[in-house]
Amino acid sequence: PVRRDGAAQHRNVGRTGALDTLLAFASATRDASVSGPMVRPRFVDAAEHGGALLIADQLRHPCLEHTVAAVAPVPNDVRLDGASGAEHAPCVLLTGANMGGKTTLLRQTAIGV
C-alpha cells in the first residue's frame, strides 16, 4: 500500500535531492584529470570584513568540462565586496552577446558557493 503522507514524501524528495547533489559533487571531484583540483569554500563573518565578500578564483563549471571536448573552458575569477569604500564592486552587471557565457558564469559562481 502507498502511504498518503504528503509531508513525509516532501521530506524524502528533499533528502534524495540533497544526496544526489552531494554524489554529483563527489563524482566531479574524484575525476581530477578532467575537472582539475576543486576546493571547498571558506565562509567568514561579514561583520569582521565590514560587509559581504566573495572572492572566487579560477571558477569552472564542472559539467561544461565534460561536454566540451574540442576547446578547454576558460576559468573565471569573481570578486564582489559589499564593504563601503571597497576595492571591488558589490554587484556585477553582466552583459554580452548570446552564447557568450553569461549563464555559465552565473551558474559556476552559484556552484562555487
C-alpha atoms as a PDB file:
ATOM      1  CA  PRO A   1       0.000   0.000   0.000  1.00  0.00           C
ATOM      2  CA  VAL A   2       1.104   3.547  -0.766  1.00  0.00           C
ATOM      3  CA  ARG A   3       1.266   5.997   2.114  1.00  0.00           C
ATOM      4  CA  ARG A   4      -0.515   9.251   1.527  1.00  0.00           C
ATOM      5  CA  ASP A   5       1.616  11.279   3.954  1.00  0.00           C
ATOM      6  CA  GLY A   6       2.499  14.359   1.901  1.00  0.00           C
ATOM      7  CA  ALA A   7       4.865  15.856   4.479  1.00  0.00           C
ATOM      8  CA  ALA A   8       6.927  12.666   4.675  1.00  0.00           C
ATOM      9  CA  GLN A   9       7.069  12.403   0.885  1.00  0.00           C
ATOM     10  CA  HIS A  10       8.163  16.028   0.647  1.00  0.00           C
ATOM     11  CA  ARG A  11      10.968  15.434   3.186  1.00  0.00           C
ATOM     12  CA  ASN A  12      12.107  12.316   1.334  1.00  0.00           C
ATOM     13  CA  VAL A  13      12.210  14.125  -2.002  1.00  0.00           C
ATOM     14  CA  GLY A  14      14.318  16.890  -0.419  1.00  0.00           C
ATOM     15  CA  ARG A  15      16.685  14.360   1.124  1.00  0.00           C
ATOM     16  CA  THR A  16      17.003  12.496  -2.168  1.00  0.00           C
ATOM     17  CA  GLY A  17      17.818  15.764  -3.961  1.00  0.00           C
ATOM     18  CA  ALA A  18      20.457  16.678  -1.376  1.00  0.00           C
ATOM     19  CA  LEU A  19      22.019  13.215  -1.653  1.00  0.00           C
ATOM     20  CA  ASP A  20      22.026  13.434  -5.452  1.00  0.00           C
ATOM     21  CA  THR A  21      23.788  16.821  -5.287  1.00  0.00           C
ATOM     22  CA  LEU A  22      26.443  15.530  -2.892  1.00  0.00           C
ATOM     23  CA  LEU A  23      27.051  12.451  -5.046  1.00  0.00           C
ATOM     24  CA  ALA A  24      27.423  14.643  -8.147  1.00  0.00           C
ATOM     25  CA  PHE A  25      29.992  16.839  -6.372  1.00  0.00           C
ATOM     26  CA  ALA A  26      31.869  13.760  -5.150  1.00  0.00           C
ATOM     27  CA  SER A  27      31.913  12.330  -8.662  1.00  0.00           C
ATOM     28  CA  ALA A  28      33.207  15.601 -10.155  1.00  0.00           C
ATOM     29  CA  THR A  29      35.977  15.961  -7.578  1.00  0.00           C
ATOM     30  CA  ARG A  30      37.059  12.330  -7.932  1.00  0.00           C
ATOM     31  CA  ASP A  31      37.871  12.786 -11.624  1.00  0.00           C
ATOM     32  CA  ALA A  32      40.617  15.418 -11.194  1.00  0.00           C
ATOM     33  CA  SER A  33      42.076  14.656 -14.637  1.00  0.00           C
ATOM     34  CA  VAL A  34      39.006  16.215 -16.240  1.00  0.00           C
ATOM     35  CA  SER A  35      37.808  18.741 -13.685  1.00  0.00           C
ATOM     36  CA  GLY A  36      41.105  19.816 -12.174  1.00  0.00           C
ATOM     37  CA  PRO A  37      41.506  20.475  -8.474  1.00  0.00           C
ATOM     38  CA  MET A  38      38.458  21.581  -6.504  1.00  0.00           C
ATOM     39  CA  VAL A  39      38.277  23.134  -3.064  1.00  0.00           C
ATOM     40  CA  ARG A  40      35.542  23.848  -0.561  1.00  0.00           C
ATOM     41  CA  PRO A  41      34.548  27.464   0.083  1.00  0.00           C
ATOM     42  CA  ARG A  42      35.640  29.188   3.281  1.00  0.00           C
ATOM     43  CA  PHE A  43      32.935  31.260   4.938  1.00  0.00           C
ATOM     44  CA  VAL A  44      33.790  34.212   7.166  1.00  0.00           C
ATOM     45  CA  ASP A  45      31.628  36.518   9.248  1.00  0.00           C
ATOM     46  CA  ALA A  46      30.585  39.561   7.204  1.00  0.00           C
ATOM     47  CA  ALA A  47      30.859  41.748  10.318  1.00  0.00           C
ATOM     48  CA  GLU A  48      34.609  41.046  10.504  1.00  0.00           C
ATOM     49  CA  HIS A  49      35.043  42.382   6.988  1.00  0.00           C
ATOM     50  CA  GLY A  50      32.570  45.251   7.128  1.00  0.00           C
ATOM     51  CA  GLY A  51      30.213  43.743   4.562  1.00  0.00           C
ATOM     52  CA  ALA A  52      29.575  40.743   2.378  1.00  0.00           C
ATOM     53  CA  LEU A  53      32.569  39.463   0.437  1.00  0.00           C
ATOM     54  CA  LEU A  54      33.030  36.904  -2.345  1.00  0.00           C
ATOM     55  CA  ILE A  55      36.423  36.063  -3.786  1.00  0.00           C
ATOM     56  CA  ALA A  56      36.484  33.143  -6.209  1.00  0.00           C
ATOM     57  CA  ASP A  57      39.497  32.355  -8.381  1.00  0.00           C
ATOM     58  CA  GLN A  58      39.659  30.003 -11.357  1.00  0.00           C
ATOM     59  CA  LEU A  59      35.965  29.038 -11.249  1.00  0.00           C
ATOM     60  CA  ARG A  60      34.997  26.353 -13.727  1.00  0.00           C
ATOM     61  CA  HIS A  61      31.626  24.757 -14.396  1.00  0.00           C
ATOM     62  CA  PRO A  62      32.129  21.011 -13.765  1.00  0.00           C
ATOM     63  CA  CYS A  63      29.505  19.900 -16.304  1.00  0.00           C
ATOM     64  CA  LEU A  64      30.921  22.098 -19.038  1.00  0.00           C
ATOM     65  CA  GLU A  65      34.301  20.415 -18.852  1.00  0.00           C
ATOM     66  CA  HIS A  66      32.724  17.042 -19.527  1.00  0.00           C
ATOM     67  CA  THR A  67      30.773  18.186 -22.589  1.00  0.00           C
ATOM     68  CA  VAL A  68      33.168  20.469 -24.473  1.00  0.00           C
ATOM     69  CA  ALA A  69      35.996  18.333 -25.814  1.00  0.00           C
ATOM     70  CA  ALA A  70      37.446  20.485 -28.601  1.00  0.00           C
ATOM     71  CA  VAL A  71      38.169  23.630 -26.556  1.00  0.00           C
ATOM     72  CA  ALA A  72      39.200  23.815 -22.908  1.00  0.00           C
ATOM     73  CA  PRO A  73      36.803  26.042 -20.935  1.00  0.00           C
ATOM     74  CA  VAL A  74      38.244  29.307 -19.656  1.00  0.00           C
ATOM     75  CA  PRO A  75      38.172  29.663 -15.846  1.00  0.00           C
ATOM     76  CA  ASN A  76      36.732  32.881 -14.410  1.00  0.00           C
ATOM     77  CA  ASP A  77      37.567  34.999 -11.371  1.00  0.00           C
ATOM     78  CA  VAL A  78      34.742  36.678  -9.423  1.00  0.00           C
ATOM     79  CA  ARG A  79      35.276  39.397  -6.822  1.00  0.00           C
ATOM     80  CA  LEU A  80      32.374  41.076  -5.026  1.00  0.00           C
ATOM     81  CA  ASP A  81      32.709  43.282  -1.958  1.00  0.00           C
ATOM     82  CA  GLY A  82      29.876  44.893  -0.003  1.00  0.00           C
ATOM     83  CA  ALA A  83      32.052  46.931   2.366  1.00  0.00           C
ATOM     84  CA  SER A  84      31.839  50.694   1.993  1.00  0.00           C
ATOM     85  CA  GLY A  85      34.815  52.117   0.104  1.00  0.00           C
ATOM     86  CA  ALA A  86      35.828  48.636  -1.042  1.00  0.00           C
ATOM     87  CA  GLU A  87      38.191  47.957  -3.927  1.00  0.00           C
ATOM     88  CA  HIS A  88      35.728  45.623  -5.697  1.00  0.00           C
ATOM     89  CA  ALA A  89      32.093  46.279  -6.663  1.00  0.00           C
ATOM     90  CA  PRO A  90      29.207  44.935  -4.537  1.00  0.00           C
ATOM     91  CA  CYS A  91      27.434  43.534  -7.627  1.00  0.00           C
ATOM     92  CA  VAL A  92      28.024  42.733 -11.296  1.00  0.00           C
ATOM     93  CA  LEU A  93      26.074  43.963 -14.300  1.00  0.00           C
ATOM     94  CA  LEU A  94      26.710  41.111 -16.703  1.00  0.00           C
ATOM     95  CA  THR A  95      26.073  41.821 -20.385  1.00  0.00           C
ATOM     96  CA  GLY A  96      27.239  40.297 -23.618  1.00  0.00           C
ATOM     97  CA  ALA A  97      26.336  38.505 -26.804  1.00  0.00           C
ATOM     98  CA  ASN A  98      24.126  35.456 -26.968  1.00  0.00           C
ATOM     99  CA  MET A  99      26.071  32.287 -26.117  1.00  0.00           C
ATOM    100  CA  GLY A 100      28.815  34.451 -24.591  1.00  0.00           C
ATOM    101  CA  GLY A 101      28.967  32.626 -21.256  1.00  0.00           C
ATOM    102  CA  LYS A 102      26.802  34.846 -19.030  1.00  0.00           C
ATOM    103  CA  THR A 103      24.686  31.981 -17.716  1.00  0.00           C
ATOM    104  CA  THR A 104      27.742  29.763 -17.293  1.00  0.00           C
ATOM    105  CA  LEU A 105      29.446  32.421 -15.170  1.00  0.00           C
ATOM    106  CA  LEU A 106      26.330  32.795 -13.025  1.00  0.00           C
ATOM    107  CA  ARG A 107      25.956  29.041 -12.572  1.00  0.00           C
ATOM    108  CA  GLN A 108      29.616  28.360 -11.814  1.00  0.00           C
ATOM    109  CA  THR A 109      29.581  31.157  -9.224  1.00  0.00           C
ATOM    110  CA  ALA A 110      26.491  29.619  -7.596  1.00  0.00           C
ATOM    111  CA  ILE A 111      28.113  26.165  -7.625  1.00  0.00           C
ATOM    112  CA  GLY A 112      31.276  27.650  -6.137  1.00  0.00           C
ATOM    113  CA  VAL A 113      29.458  28.854  -3.048  1.00  0.00           C
END
